[in-house]
């Protein structure tokens, strides 16, 4: 196999993990803020 084939394969397999990690961080922060807003009795928006 060529190096470019290996690099492309690695990229295709790794980017969903990076995206999932980023999405997890965003969702966790949103949930934390939503809980805090609810406890304070205000809207999150």
PDB file of N, CA and C in Angstrom:
ATOM      1  N   UNK A   1       0.836  -1.188   0.000  1.00  0.00           N
ATOM      2  CA  UNK A   1       0.000   0.000   0.000  1.00  0.00           C
ATOM      3  C   UNK A   1       0.876   1.246   0.000  1.00  0.00           C
ATOM      4  N   UNK A   2       0.360   2.244  -0.657  1.00  0.00           N
ATOM      5  CA  UNK A   2       1.079   3.510  -0.688  1.00  0.00           C
ATOM      6  C   UNK A   2       0.819   4.287   0.594  1.00  0.00           C
ATOM      7  N   UNK A   3       1.707   5.220   0.861  1.00  0.00           N
ATOM      8  CA  UNK A   3       1.566   6.051   2.051  1.00  0.00           C
ATOM      9  C   UNK A   3       0.294   6.884   1.986  1.00  0.00           C
ATOM     10  N   UNK A   4      -0.046   7.394   0.813  1.00  0.00           N
ATOM     11  CA  UNK A   4      -1.249   8.215   0.691  1.00  0.00           C
ATOM     12  C   UNK A   4      -2.510   7.397   0.991  1.00  0.00           C
ATOM     13  N   UNK A   5      -2.513   6.140   0.618  1.00  0.00           N
ATOM     14  CA  UNK A   5      -3.650   5.266   0.906  1.00  0.00           C
ATOM     15  C   UNK A   5      -3.775   5.042   2.405  1.00  0.00           C
ATOM     16  N   UNK A   6      -2.669   4.817   3.064  1.00  0.00           N
ATOM     17  CA  UNK A   6      -2.665   4.605   4.512  1.00  0.00           C
ATOM     18  C   UNK A   6      -3.095   5.882   5.229  1.00  0.00           C
ATOM     19  N   UNK A   7      -2.591   7.022   4.768  1.00  0.00           N
ATOM     20  CA  UNK A   7      -2.955   8.302   5.385  1.00  0.00           C
ATOM     21  C   UNK A   7      -4.445   8.586   5.216  1.00  0.00           C
ATOM     22  N   UNK A   8      -4.974   8.343   4.045  1.00  0.00           N
ATOM     23  CA  UNK A   8      -6.397   8.569   3.799  1.00  0.00           C
ATOM     24  C   UNK A   8      -7.249   7.631   4.648  1.00  0.00           C
ATOM     25  N   UNK A   9      -6.838   6.390   4.759  1.00  0.00           N
ATOM     26  CA  UNK A   9      -7.559   5.424   5.586  1.00  0.00           C
ATOM     27  C   UNK A   9      -7.555   5.867   7.048  1.00  0.00           C
ATOM     28  N   UNK A  10      -6.404   6.292   7.541  1.00  0.00           N
ATOM     29  CA  UNK A  10      -6.308   6.765   8.925  1.00  0.00           C
ATOM     30  C   UNK A  10      -7.194   7.985   9.139  1.00  0.00           C
ATOM     31  N   UNK A  11      -7.198   8.893   8.188  1.00  0.00           N
ATOM     32  CA  UNK A  11      -8.025  10.098   8.288  1.00  0.00           C
ATOM     33  C   UNK A  11      -9.508   9.740   8.358  1.00  0.00           C
ATOM     34  N   UNK A  12      -9.940   8.852   7.482  1.00  0.00           N
ATOM     35  CA  UNK A  12     -11.346   8.453   7.434  1.00  0.00           C
ATOM     36  C   UNK A  12     -11.752   7.749   8.724  1.00  0.00           C
ATOM     37  N   UNK A  13     -10.855   7.014   9.333  1.00  0.00           N
ATOM     38  CA  UNK A  13     -11.182   6.293  10.558  1.00  0.00           C
ATOM     39  C   UNK A  13     -11.087   7.175  11.806  1.00  0.00           C
ATOM     40  N   UNK A  14     -10.257   8.208  11.778  1.00  0.00           N
ATOM     41  CA  UNK A  14     -10.016   9.024  12.967  1.00  0.00           C
ATOM     42  C   UNK A  14     -10.969  10.216  13.063  1.00  0.00           C
ATOM     43  N   UNK A  15     -11.363  10.821  11.942  1.00  0.00           N
ATOM     44  CA  UNK A  15     -12.169  12.038  12.047  1.00  0.00           C
ATOM     45  C   UNK A  15     -13.494  11.847  12.765  1.00  0.00           C
ATOM     46  N   UNK A  16     -14.178  10.700  12.642  1.00  0.00           N
ATOM     47  CA  UNK A  16     -15.415  10.552  13.423  1.00  0.00           C
ATOM     48  C   UNK A  16     -15.162  10.556  14.934  1.00  0.00           C
ATOM     49  N   UNK A  17     -14.017  10.053  15.347  1.00  0.00           N
ATOM     50  CA  UNK A  17     -13.671  10.054  16.770  1.00  0.00           C
ATOM     51  C   UNK A  17     -13.456  11.490  17.251  1.00  0.00           C
ATOM     52  N   UNK A  18     -12.781  12.295  16.456  1.00  0.00           N
ATOM     53  CA  UNK A  18     -12.543  13.692  16.798  1.00  0.00           C
ATOM     54  C   UNK A  18     -13.871  14.451  16.855  1.00  0.00           C
ATOM     55  N   UNK A  19     -14.719  14.232  15.880  1.00  0.00           N
ATOM     56  CA  UNK A  19     -16.027  14.900  15.842  1.00  0.00           C
ATOM     57  C   UNK A  19     -16.877  14.469  17.038  1.00  0.00           C
ATOM     58  N   UNK A  20     -16.883  13.190  17.347  1.00  0.00           N
ATOM     59  CA  UNK A  20     -17.658  12.692  18.490  1.00  0.00           C
ATOM     60  C   UNK A  20     -17.155  13.298  19.802  1.00  0.00           C
ATOM     61  N   UNK A  21     -15.859  13.411  19.944  1.00  0.00           N
ATOM     62  CA  UNK A  21     -15.283  14.027  21.148  1.00  0.00           C
ATOM     63  C   UNK A  21     -15.678  15.486  21.283  1.00  0.00           C
ATOM     64  N   UNK A  22     -15.610  16.218  20.181  1.00  0.00           N
ATOM     65  CA  UNK A  22     -15.986  17.624  20.190  1.00  0.00           C
ATOM     66  C   UNK A  22     -17.467  17.787  20.514  1.00  0.00           C
ATOM     67  N   UNK A  23     -18.306  16.970  19.890  1.00  0.00           N
ATOM     68  CA  UNK A  23     -19.742  17.024  20.147  1.00  0.00           C
ATOM     69  C   UNK A  23     -20.053  16.689  21.603  1.00  0.00           C
ATOM     70  N   UNK A  24     -19.345  15.729  22.174  1.00  0.00           N
ATOM     71  CA  UNK A  24     -19.533  15.354  23.574  1.00  0.00           C
ATOM     72  C   UNK A  24     -19.236  16.529  24.493  1.00  0.00           C
ATOM     73  N   UNK A  25     -18.149  17.233  24.228  1.00  0.00           N
ATOM     74  CA  UNK A  25     -17.786  18.397  25.047  1.00  0.00           C
ATOM     75  C   UNK A  25     -18.867  19.478  24.955  1.00  0.00           C
ATOM     76  N   UNK A  26     -19.347  19.742  23.752  1.00  0.00           N
ATOM     77  CA  UNK A  26     -20.375  20.764  23.557  1.00  0.00           C
ATOM     78  C   UNK A  26     -21.670  20.378  24.268  1.00  0.00           C
ATOM     79  N   UNK A  27     -22.100  19.126  24.119  1.00  0.00           N
ATOM     80  CA  UNK A  27     -23.338  18.675  24.741  1.00  0.00           C
ATOM     81  C   UNK A  27     -23.229  18.702  26.262  1.00  0.00           C
ATOM     82  N   UNK A  28     -22.096  18.277  26.800  1.00  0.00           N
ATOM     83  CA  UNK A  28     -21.917  18.287  28.250  1.00  0.00           C
ATOM     84  C   UNK A  28     -21.990  19.707  28.798  1.00  0.00           C
ATOM     85  N   UNK A  29     -21.364  20.654  28.101  1.00  0.00           N
ATOM     86  CA  UNK A  29     -21.405  22.054  28.534  1.00  0.00           C
ATOM     87  C   UNK A  29     -22.828  22.597  28.462  1.00  0.00           C
ATOM     88  N   UNK A  30     -23.557  22.243  27.406  1.00  0.00           N
ATOM     89  CA  UNK A  30     -24.939  22.704  27.260  1.00  0.00           C
ATOM     90  C   UNK A  30     -25.821  22.158  28.379  1.00  0.00           C
ATOM     91  N   UNK A  31     -25.681  20.879  28.674  1.00  0.00           N
ATOM     92  CA  UNK A  31     -26.484  20.255  29.735  1.00  0.00           C
ATOM     93  C   UNK A  31     -26.174  20.906  31.075  1.00  0.00           C
ATOM     94  N   UNK A  32     -24.895  21.174  31.327  1.00  0.00           N
ATOM     95  CA  UNK A  32     -24.494  21.819  32.581  1.00  0.00           C
ATOM     96  C   UNK A  32     -25.132  23.200  32.695  1.00  0.00           C
ATOM     97  N   UNK A  33     -25.076  23.973  31.621  1.00  0.00           N
ATOM     98  CA  UNK A  33     -25.669  25.308  31.619  1.00  0.00           C
ATOM     99  C   UNK A  33     -27.193  25.239  31.763  1.00  0.00           C
ATOM    100  N   UNK A  34     -27.822  24.254  31.117  1.00  0.00           N
ATOM    101  CA  UNK A  34     -29.272  24.106  31.204  1.00  0.00           C
ATOM    102  C   UNK A  34     -29.694  23.783  32.638  1.00  0.00           C
ATOM    103  N   UNK A  35     -28.965  22.908  33.295  1.00  0.00           N
ATOM    104  CA  UNK A  35     -29.279  22.565  34.680  1.00  0.00           C
ATOM    105  C   UNK A  35     -29.113  23.780  35.592  1.00  0.00           C
ATOM    106  N   UNK A  36     -28.043  24.538  35.364  1.00  0.00           N
ATOM    107  CA  UNK A  36     -27.795  25.740  36.165  1.00  0.00           C
ATOM    108  C   UNK A  36     -28.903  26.761  35.954  1.00  0.00           C
ATOM    109  N   UNK A  37     -29.316  26.954  34.716  1.00  0.00           N
ATOM    110  CA  UNK A  37     -30.384  27.908  34.412  1.00  0.00           C
ATOM    111  C   UNK A  37     -31.698  27.466  35.049  1.00  0.00           C
ATOM    112  N   UNK A  38     -31.981  26.183  34.990  1.00  0.00           N
ATOM    113  CA  UNK A  38     -33.229  25.674  35.579  1.00  0.00           C
ATOM    114  C   UNK A  38     -33.212  25.865  37.093  1.00  0.00           C
ATOM    115  N   UNK A  39     -32.065  25.627  37.718  1.00  0.00           N
ATOM    116  CA  UNK A  39     -31.957  25.804  39.165  1.00  0.00           C
ATOM    117  C   UNK A  39     -32.157  27.270  39.552  1.00  0.00           C
ATOM    118  N   UNK A  40     -31.734  28.187  38.677  1.00  0.00           N
ATOM    119  CA  UNK A  40     -31.895  29.614  38.943  1.00  0.00           C
ATOM    120  C   UNK A  40     -33.253  30.133  38.478  1.00  0.00           C
ATOM    121  N   UNK A  41     -34.042  29.275  37.829  1.00  0.00           N
ATOM    122  CA  UNK A  41     -35.367  29.652  37.392  1.00  0.00           C
ATOM    123  C   UNK A  41     -35.388  30.586  36.195  1.00  0.00           C
ATOM    124  N   UNK A  42     -34.411  30.474  35.327  1.00  0.00           N
ATOM    125  CA  UNK A  42     -34.377  31.331  34.141  1.00  0.00           C
ATOM    126  C   UNK A  42     -34.272  30.484  32.882  1.00  0.00           C
ATOM    127  N   UNK A  43     -34.579  31.109  31.760  1.00  0.00           N
ATOM    128  CA  UNK A  43     -34.501  30.418  30.478  1.00  0.00           C
ATOM    129  C   UNK A  43     -33.045  30.324  30.027  1.00  0.00           C
ATOM    130  N   UNK A  44     -32.719  29.259  29.344  1.00  0.00           N
ATOM    131  CA  UNK A  44     -31.346  29.118  28.853  1.00  0.00           C
ATOM    132  C   UNK A  44     -31.121  29.979  27.611  1.00  0.00           C
ATOM    133  N   UNK A  45     -32.203  30.345  26.950  1.00  0.00           N
ATOM    134  CA  UNK A  45     -32.071  31.163  25.739  1.00  0.00           C
ATOM    135  C   UNK A  45     -32.184  32.625  26.110  1.00  0.00           C
TER     136      UNK A  45
END
